[in-house]
Amino acid sequence: MHVDPFLIEPQRAHDRAAVRALLARAGLPVDDVDTSPVDFLVMREAGQVVGVVGLQNAGGAGLLRSLAVLPALHGQGRGGALVAAVERLAEQRGIDDLYLLTDSVPGFFALHDYLRVSRASVPPAIQGTTQFA
């Protein structure tokens, strides 16, 4: 049996403000957080949200988005744990292909076996998301 060292669970309604604040602190978009069909997973420590990642289903492909961890906790495996958790969620939902849009941490995602692809090769449903625009 595999046990994750971090508590990661679906966002609860009362987590919205903490998620928005964490994303804003990381310089990530928050304008569509409440209006896009994104399933957020949060990482908790001592009852507080210390990390977040989102999964947006776009026509059967998935958009991995809004990955953020409190800066003081970087380098401790939390980002990787959140990526693994969102990948499991995508698999449970029948999503085989995950895409992400990043300019800030491509090396991190390369370490997690994500490949760089041209924007033109991304499925139209991903291209139609607010994040892609």
C-alpha atoms as a PDB file:
ATOM      1  CA  MET A   1       0.000   0.000   0.000  1.00  0.00           C
ATOM      2  CA  HIS A   2       1.321   3.449  -0.986  1.00  0.00           C
ATOM      3  CA  VAL A   3       0.867   6.265   1.515  1.00  0.00           C
ATOM      4  CA  ASP A   4       1.456   9.847   0.424  1.00  0.00           C
ATOM      5  CA  PRO A   5       3.462  11.895   2.917  1.00  0.00           C
ATOM      6  CA  PHE A   6       1.294  14.965   2.330  1.00  0.00           C
ATOM      7  CA  LEU A   7      -2.441  15.439   2.861  1.00  0.00           C
ATOM      8  CA  ILE A   8      -3.930  16.244  -0.555  1.00  0.00           C
ATOM      9  CA  GLU A   9      -7.677  16.401  -1.009  1.00  0.00           C
ATOM     10  CA  PRO A  10     -10.347  18.123  -3.109  1.00  0.00           C
ATOM     11  CA  GLN A  11     -10.812  21.808  -2.437  1.00  0.00           C
ATOM     12  CA  ARG A  12     -13.673  22.617  -0.068  1.00  0.00           C
ATOM     13  CA  ALA A  13     -15.887  25.672  -0.463  1.00  0.00           C
ATOM     14  CA  HIS A  14     -14.211  27.438   2.458  1.00  0.00           C
ATOM     15  CA  ASP A  15     -10.786  26.973   0.781  1.00  0.00           C
ATOM     16  CA  ARG A  16     -11.545  29.358  -2.107  1.00  0.00           C
ATOM     17  CA  ALA A  17     -10.024  32.457  -0.526  1.00  0.00           C
ATOM     18  CA  ALA A  18      -6.852  30.591   0.486  1.00  0.00           C
ATOM     19  CA  VAL A  19      -6.521  29.070  -3.001  1.00  0.00           C
ATOM     20  CA  ARG A  20      -6.964  32.453  -4.668  1.00  0.00           C
ATOM     21  CA  ALA A  21      -4.408  34.049  -2.332  1.00  0.00           C
ATOM     22  CA  LEU A  22      -1.849  31.295  -2.934  1.00  0.00           C
ATOM     23  CA  LEU A  23      -2.276  31.533  -6.717  1.00  0.00           C
ATOM     24  CA  ALA A  24      -1.994  35.327  -6.644  1.00  0.00           C
ATOM     25  CA  ARG A  25       1.126  35.114  -4.495  1.00  0.00           C
ATOM     26  CA  ALA A  26       2.638  32.749  -7.085  1.00  0.00           C
ATOM     27  CA  GLY A  27       1.778  35.177  -9.895  1.00  0.00           C
ATOM     28  CA  LEU A  28      -0.742  32.793 -11.441  1.00  0.00           C
ATOM     29  CA  PRO A  29      -4.078  33.850 -12.966  1.00  0.00           C
ATOM     30  CA  VAL A  30      -7.035  33.997 -10.608  1.00  0.00           C
ATOM     31  CA  ASP A  31      -9.623  35.754 -12.800  1.00  0.00           C
ATOM     32  CA  ASP A  32     -11.291  32.524 -13.926  1.00  0.00           C
ATOM     33  CA  VAL A  33     -10.836  30.427 -10.782  1.00  0.00           C
ATOM     34  CA  ASP A  34     -14.490  30.737  -9.822  1.00  0.00           C
ATOM     35  CA  THR A  35     -15.933  30.506 -13.329  1.00  0.00           C
ATOM     36  CA  SER A  36     -13.890  27.838 -15.141  1.00  0.00           C
ATOM     37  CA  PRO A  37     -14.722  24.162 -14.669  1.00  0.00           C
ATOM     38  CA  VAL A  38     -11.561  23.404 -12.697  1.00  0.00           C
ATOM     39  CA  ASP A  39     -11.248  20.741 -10.036  1.00  0.00           C
ATOM     40  CA  PHE A  40      -8.737  21.941  -7.483  1.00  0.00           C
ATOM     41  CA  LEU A  41      -6.791  19.722  -5.139  1.00  0.00           C
ATOM     42  CA  VAL A  42      -5.294  21.327  -2.067  1.00  0.00           C
ATOM     43  CA  MET A  43      -2.426  20.307   0.146  1.00  0.00           C
ATOM     44  CA  ARG A  44      -2.974  20.915   3.822  1.00  0.00           C
ATOM     45  CA  GLU A  45      -0.562  21.265   6.663  1.00  0.00           C
ATOM     46  CA  ALA A  46      -1.801  22.002  10.165  1.00  0.00           C
ATOM     47  CA  GLY A  47      -5.241  22.691   8.686  1.00  0.00           C
ATOM     48  CA  GLN A  48      -3.932  25.397   6.331  1.00  0.00           C
ATOM     49  CA  VAL A  49      -3.772  25.298   2.524  1.00  0.00           C
ATOM     50  CA  VAL A  50      -0.074  25.248   1.606  1.00  0.00           C
ATOM     51  CA  GLY A  51      -0.347  23.994  -1.974  1.00  0.00           C
ATOM     52  CA  VAL A  52      -2.806  23.739  -4.830  1.00  0.00           C
ATOM     53  CA  VAL A  53      -3.143  22.255  -8.301  1.00  0.00           C
ATOM     54  CA  GLY A  54      -6.038  22.253 -10.751  1.00  0.00           C
ATOM     55  CA  LEU A  55      -7.363  19.912 -13.405  1.00  0.00           C
ATOM     56  CA  GLN A  56      -9.588  21.233 -16.160  1.00  0.00           C
ATOM     57  CA  ASN A  57     -11.254  18.735 -18.493  1.00  0.00           C
ATOM     58  CA  ALA A  58     -11.208  20.097 -22.025  1.00  0.00           C
ATOM     59  CA  GLY A  59     -12.866  17.752 -24.449  1.00  0.00           C
ATOM     60  CA  GLY A  60     -11.247  14.623 -23.039  1.00  0.00           C
ATOM     61  CA  ALA A  61      -7.798  16.179 -22.710  1.00  0.00           C
ATOM     62  CA  GLY A  62      -6.726  17.646 -19.413  1.00  0.00           C
ATOM     63  CA  LEU A  63      -5.236  21.000 -18.573  1.00  0.00           C
ATOM     64  CA  LEU A  64      -2.967  20.791 -15.546  1.00  0.00           C
ATOM     65  CA  ARG A  65      -3.029  24.286 -14.141  1.00  0.00           C
ATOM     66  CA  SER A  66      -2.566  26.494 -11.135  1.00  0.00           C
ATOM     67  CA  LEU A  67       0.220  24.565  -9.424  1.00  0.00           C
ATOM     68  CA  ALA A  68       1.495  26.545  -6.463  1.00  0.00           C
ATOM     69  CA  VAL A  69       3.183  25.829  -3.145  1.00  0.00           C
ATOM     70  CA  LEU A  70       4.002  28.345  -0.440  1.00  0.00           C
ATOM     71  CA  PRO A  71       7.515  29.629  -1.215  1.00  0.00           C
ATOM     72  CA  ALA A  72       8.845  28.702   2.238  1.00  0.00           C
ATOM     73  CA  LEU A  73       8.001  25.067   1.459  1.00  0.00           C
ATOM     74  CA  HIS A  74       9.652  24.812  -1.973  1.00  0.00           C
ATOM     75  CA  GLY A  75      12.178  22.053  -2.551  1.00  0.00           C
ATOM     76  CA  GLN A  76      10.528  19.558  -0.200  1.00  0.00           C
ATOM     77  CA  GLY A  77       8.628  17.409  -2.718  1.00  0.00           C
ATOM     78  CA  ARG A  78       5.266  19.109  -2.334  1.00  0.00           C
ATOM     79  CA  GLY A  79       5.015  20.220  -5.977  1.00  0.00           C
ATOM     80  CA  GLY A  80       5.817  16.706  -7.183  1.00  0.00           C
ATOM     81  CA  ALA A  81       3.233  15.239  -4.809  1.00  0.00           C
ATOM     82  CA  LEU A  82       0.588  17.642  -6.155  1.00  0.00           C
ATOM     83  CA  VAL A  83       1.471  16.741  -9.754  1.00  0.00           C
ATOM     84  CA  ALA A  84       1.198  13.029  -8.938  1.00  0.00           C
ATOM     85  CA  ALA A  85      -2.171  13.606  -7.247  1.00  0.00           C
ATOM     86  CA  VAL A  86      -3.608  15.530 -10.203  1.00  0.00           C
ATOM     87  CA  GLU A  87      -2.312  12.844 -12.577  1.00  0.00           C
ATOM     88  CA  ARG A  88      -4.178  10.206 -10.537  1.00  0.00           C
ATOM     89  CA  LEU A  89      -7.321  12.353 -10.653  1.00  0.00           C
ATOM     90  CA  ALA A  90      -6.999  12.680 -14.431  1.00  0.00           C
ATOM     91  CA  GLU A  91      -6.592   8.915 -14.762  1.00  0.00           C
ATOM     92  CA  GLN A  92      -9.690   8.333 -12.615  1.00  0.00           C
ATOM     93  CA  ARG A  93     -11.611  10.650 -14.939  1.00  0.00           C
ATOM     94  CA  GLY A  94     -10.427   8.830 -18.062  1.00  0.00           C
ATOM     95  CA  ILE A  95      -8.120  11.641 -19.175  1.00  0.00           C
ATOM     96  CA  ASP A  96      -5.038  10.206 -20.860  1.00  0.00           C
ATOM     97  CA  ASP A  97      -3.318  13.372 -22.068  1.00  0.00           C
ATOM     98  CA  LEU A  98      -2.413  16.269 -19.801  1.00  0.00           C
ATOM     99  CA  TYR A  99      -1.239  19.633 -21.063  1.00  0.00           C
ATOM    100  CA  LEU A 100       0.078  22.603 -19.160  1.00  0.00           C
ATOM    101  CA  LEU A 101       1.078  26.127 -20.009  1.00  0.00           C
ATOM    102  CA  THR A 102       4.125  27.503 -18.258  1.00  0.00           C
ATOM    103  CA  ASP A 103       6.873  29.996 -18.804  1.00  0.00           C
ATOM    104  CA  SER A 104       8.177  29.982 -15.273  1.00  0.00           C
ATOM    105  CA  VAL A 105       9.045  26.386 -14.315  1.00  0.00           C
ATOM    106  CA  PRO A 106       9.557  24.249 -17.445  1.00  0.00           C
ATOM    107  CA  GLY A 107      12.508  22.466 -15.797  1.00  0.00           C
ATOM    108  CA  PHE A 108      10.320  21.275 -12.924  1.00  0.00           C
ATOM    109  CA  PHE A 109       7.840  19.711 -15.319  1.00  0.00           C
ATOM    110  CA  ALA A 110      10.604  18.200 -17.467  1.00  0.00           C
ATOM    111  CA  LEU A 111      11.745  16.364 -14.325  1.00  0.00           C
ATOM    112  CA  HIS A 112       8.224  14.922 -14.135  1.00  0.00           C
ATOM    113  CA  ASP A 113       8.360  13.647 -17.735  1.00  0.00           C
ATOM    114  CA  TYR A 114       6.375  16.445 -19.361  1.00  0.00           C
ATOM    115  CA  LEU A 115       7.453  17.228 -22.912  1.00  0.00           C
ATOM    116  CA  ARG A 116       7.514  20.593 -24.651  1.00  0.00           C
ATOM    117  CA  VAL A 117       5.102  20.727 -27.606  1.00  0.00           C
ATOM    118  CA  SER A 118       4.220  23.505 -29.999  1.00  0.00           C
ATOM    119  CA  ARG A 119       1.089  25.496 -29.252  1.00  0.00           C
ATOM    120  CA  ALA A 120      -0.268  24.583 -32.684  1.00  0.00           C
ATOM    121  CA  SER A 121      -0.223  20.859 -31.817  1.00  0.00           C
ATOM    122  CA  VAL A 122      -2.392  21.251 -28.717  1.00  0.00           C
ATOM    123  CA  PRO A 123      -5.961  19.926 -29.075  1.00  0.00           C
ATOM    124  CA  PRO A 124      -8.553  22.574 -30.011  1.00  0.00           C
ATOM    125  CA  ALA A 125     -10.410  22.125 -26.700  1.00  0.00           C
ATOM    126  CA  ILE A 126      -7.245  23.078 -24.789  1.00  0.00           C
ATOM    127  CA  GLN A 127      -6.652  25.991 -27.163  1.00  0.00           C
ATOM    128  CA  GLY A 128     -10.173  27.199 -26.328  1.00  0.00           C
ATOM    129  CA  THR A 129      -9.523  27.523 -22.592  1.00  0.00           C
ATOM    130  CA  THR A 130      -9.066  30.878 -20.906  1.00  0.00           C
ATOM    131  CA  GLN A 131      -5.626  29.782 -19.736  1.00  0.00           C
ATOM    132  CA  PHE A 132      -4.464  29.105 -23.307  1.00  0.00           C
ATOM    133  CA  ALA A 133      -5.680  32.494 -24.514  1.00  0.00           C
END
